[in-house]
Amino acid sequence: MKDFKIIDNKEARQFEAHVAGQMAKVIYERNGSRIFLTGAEVPPVLEKQGILPMMLRKVMEEISAQNIRMVPSSKKVAEFVRSNPQWKTLLAHGLHI
């Protein structure tokens, strides 16, 4: 799998990755210094290639760079954070998953 970049499409309120002519996205709502990750949509062909965890890792890096806190409202995002505890430091204060 080639490396890919994510784009923070603020107008659409989603992080996007364009891979092999397909688009994967992580949908969010921003509220001050918090970002609520409300959904993750990956086309089946990309999901089979393991794009979702790679994309979520890049989203976590972007959230860290923006120095904001996240609330994983999506089941897929919450499962990723549980499986990768290094990202729990980005959780909103008082939130445990």
C-alpha atoms as a PDB file:
ATOM      1  CA  MET A   1       0.000   0.000   0.000  1.00  0.00           C
ATOM      2  CA  LYS A   2       1.343   3.349  -1.022  1.00  0.00           C
ATOM      3  CA  ASP A   3       1.501   6.107   1.528  1.00  0.00           C
ATOM      4  CA  PHE A   4      -1.325   8.605   1.320  1.00  0.00           C
ATOM      5  CA  LYS A   5      -2.195  11.950   2.839  1.00  0.00           C
ATOM      6  CA  ILE A   6      -5.317  13.079   4.601  1.00  0.00           C
ATOM      7  CA  ILE A   7      -7.020  16.369   3.920  1.00  0.00           C
ATOM      8  CA  ASP A   8      -8.958  18.272   6.567  1.00  0.00           C
ATOM      9  CA  ASN A   9     -11.981  19.361   4.539  1.00  0.00           C
ATOM     10  CA  LYS A  10     -13.302  21.903   7.046  1.00  0.00           C
ATOM     11  CA  GLU A  11     -16.269  22.875   4.875  1.00  0.00           C
ATOM     12  CA  ALA A  12     -17.508  19.259   4.718  1.00  0.00           C
ATOM     13  CA  ARG A  13     -16.363  18.655   8.334  1.00  0.00           C
ATOM     14  CA  GLN A  14     -14.397  15.533   7.487  1.00  0.00           C
ATOM     15  CA  PHE A  15     -10.891  14.216   7.073  1.00  0.00           C
ATOM     16  CA  GLU A  16     -10.512  12.682   3.629  1.00  0.00           C
ATOM     17  CA  ALA A  17      -8.082  10.267   2.044  1.00  0.00           C
ATOM     18  CA  HIS A  18      -8.108   9.632  -1.689  1.00  0.00           C
ATOM     19  CA  VAL A  19      -6.634   6.227  -2.468  1.00  0.00           C
ATOM     20  CA  ALA A  20      -6.826   4.344  -5.783  1.00  0.00           C
ATOM     21  CA  GLY A  21      -9.665   6.537  -7.025  1.00  0.00           C
ATOM     22  CA  GLN A  22     -11.728   5.949  -3.878  1.00  0.00           C
ATOM     23  CA  MET A  23     -12.405   8.270  -0.934  1.00  0.00           C
ATOM     24  CA  ALA A  24     -12.324   7.270   2.712  1.00  0.00           C
ATOM     25  CA  LYS A  25     -13.467   9.748   5.328  1.00  0.00           C
ATOM     26  CA  VAL A  26     -13.667  10.402   9.031  1.00  0.00           C
ATOM     27  CA  ILE A  27     -16.561  12.729   9.817  1.00  0.00           C
ATOM     28  CA  TYR A  28     -16.338  15.212  12.676  1.00  0.00           C
ATOM     29  CA  GLU A  29     -17.998  18.062  14.512  1.00  0.00           C
ATOM     30  CA  ARG A  30     -15.783  20.709  16.049  1.00  0.00           C
ATOM     31  CA  ASN A  31     -16.759  22.508  19.258  1.00  0.00           C
ATOM     32  CA  GLY A  32     -14.114  24.879  20.558  1.00  0.00           C
ATOM     33  CA  SER A  33     -11.085  22.876  21.629  1.00  0.00           C
ATOM     34  CA  ARG A  34     -12.878  19.543  21.151  1.00  0.00           C
ATOM     35  CA  ILE A  35     -13.428  17.471  18.057  1.00  0.00           C
ATOM     36  CA  PHE A  36     -16.164  14.840  18.020  1.00  0.00           C
ATOM     37  CA  LEU A  37     -15.293  12.017  15.607  1.00  0.00           C
ATOM     38  CA  THR A  38     -18.794  10.947  14.625  1.00  0.00           C
ATOM     39  CA  GLY A  39     -18.208   8.487  11.804  1.00  0.00           C
ATOM     40  CA  ALA A  40     -15.747   6.669   9.587  1.00  0.00           C
ATOM     41  CA  GLU A  41     -16.651   5.576   6.077  1.00  0.00           C
ATOM     42  CA  VAL A  42     -14.307   3.475   3.986  1.00  0.00           C
ATOM     43  CA  PRO A  43     -15.231   1.805   0.692  1.00  0.00           C
ATOM     44  CA  PRO A  44     -15.094  -2.015   1.028  1.00  0.00           C
ATOM     45  CA  VAL A  45     -12.193  -2.328  -1.433  1.00  0.00           C
ATOM     46  CA  LEU A  46     -10.091   0.018   0.729  1.00  0.00           C
ATOM     47  CA  GLU A  47     -11.231  -1.554   3.989  1.00  0.00           C
ATOM     48  CA  LYS A  48      -9.887  -4.907   2.760  1.00  0.00           C
ATOM     49  CA  GLN A  49      -6.528  -3.179   2.233  1.00  0.00           C
ATOM     50  CA  GLY A  50      -6.443  -1.963   5.853  1.00  0.00           C
ATOM     51  CA  ILE A  51      -6.891   1.726   5.050  1.00  0.00           C
ATOM     52  CA  LEU A  52      -9.067   2.534   8.071  1.00  0.00           C
ATOM     53  CA  PRO A  53      -6.428   2.009  10.793  1.00  0.00           C
ATOM     54  CA  MET A  54      -3.818   3.838   8.699  1.00  0.00           C
ATOM     55  CA  MET A  55      -6.196   6.716   8.128  1.00  0.00           C
ATOM     56  CA  LEU A  56      -7.212   6.906  11.793  1.00  0.00           C
ATOM     57  CA  ARG A  57      -3.530   7.014  12.780  1.00  0.00           C
ATOM     58  CA  LYS A  58      -3.073  10.019  10.481  1.00  0.00           C
ATOM     59  CA  VAL A  59      -6.214  11.667  11.896  1.00  0.00           C
ATOM     60  CA  MET A  60      -4.852  11.187  15.435  1.00  0.00           C
ATOM     61  CA  GLU A  61      -1.560  12.781  14.380  1.00  0.00           C
ATOM     62  CA  GLU A  62      -3.474  15.751  12.932  1.00  0.00           C
ATOM     63  CA  ILE A  63      -5.561  16.141  16.099  1.00  0.00           C
ATOM     64  CA  SER A  64      -2.374  16.057  18.156  1.00  0.00           C
ATOM     65  CA  ALA A  65      -0.749  18.680  15.909  1.00  0.00           C
ATOM     66  CA  GLN A  66      -3.811  20.931  16.316  1.00  0.00           C
ATOM     67  CA  ASN A  67      -3.499  20.554  20.112  1.00  0.00           C
ATOM     68  CA  ILE A  68      -7.189  19.743  20.578  1.00  0.00           C
ATOM     69  CA  ARG A  69      -9.036  17.008  22.464  1.00  0.00           C
ATOM     70  CA  MET A  70     -11.181  14.357  20.845  1.00  0.00           C
ATOM     71  CA  VAL A  71     -14.395  12.570  21.649  1.00  0.00           C
ATOM     72  CA  PRO A  72     -14.689   9.323  19.651  1.00  0.00           C
ATOM     73  CA  SER A  73     -18.457   9.196  19.073  1.00  0.00           C
ATOM     74  CA  SER A  74     -18.089   6.570  16.346  1.00  0.00           C
ATOM     75  CA  LYS A  75     -17.833   2.882  17.276  1.00  0.00           C
ATOM     76  CA  LYS A  76     -15.037   2.355  14.722  1.00  0.00           C
ATOM     77  CA  VAL A  77     -13.005   5.250  16.107  1.00  0.00           C
ATOM     78  CA  ALA A  78     -13.558   4.182  19.729  1.00  0.00           C
ATOM     79  CA  GLU A  79     -12.424   0.623  18.881  1.00  0.00           C
ATOM     80  CA  PHE A  80      -9.297   2.023  17.217  1.00  0.00           C
ATOM     81  CA  VAL A  81      -8.420   4.102  20.293  1.00  0.00           C
ATOM     82  CA  ARG A  82      -9.020   1.129  22.612  1.00  0.00           C
ATOM     83  CA  SER A  83      -6.705  -0.983  20.442  1.00  0.00           C
ATOM     84  CA  ASN A  84      -4.065   1.768  20.264  1.00  0.00           C
ATOM     85  CA  PRO A  85      -3.842   3.185  23.787  1.00  0.00           C
ATOM     86  CA  GLN A  86      -1.118   5.670  22.850  1.00  0.00           C
ATOM     87  CA  TRP A  87      -3.923   7.863  21.432  1.00  0.00           C
ATOM     88  CA  LYS A  88      -5.876   7.941  24.711  1.00  0.00           C
ATOM     89  CA  THR A  89      -3.843  11.010  25.652  1.00  0.00           C
ATOM     90  CA  LEU A  90      -5.915  12.920  23.056  1.00  0.00           C
ATOM     91  CA  LEU A  91      -9.231  12.103  24.745  1.00  0.00           C
ATOM     92  CA  ALA A  92     -11.238  14.998  26.155  1.00  0.00           C
ATOM     93  CA  HIS A  93     -10.593  15.484  29.861  1.00  0.00           C
ATOM     94  CA  GLY A  94     -12.649  13.131  32.013  1.00  0.00           C
ATOM     95  CA  LEU A  95     -13.457  10.797  29.116  1.00  0.00           C
ATOM     96  CA  HIS A  96     -12.530   7.115  29.462  1.00  0.00           C
ATOM     97  CA  ILE A  97     -13.107   4.447  26.839  1.00  0.00           C
END
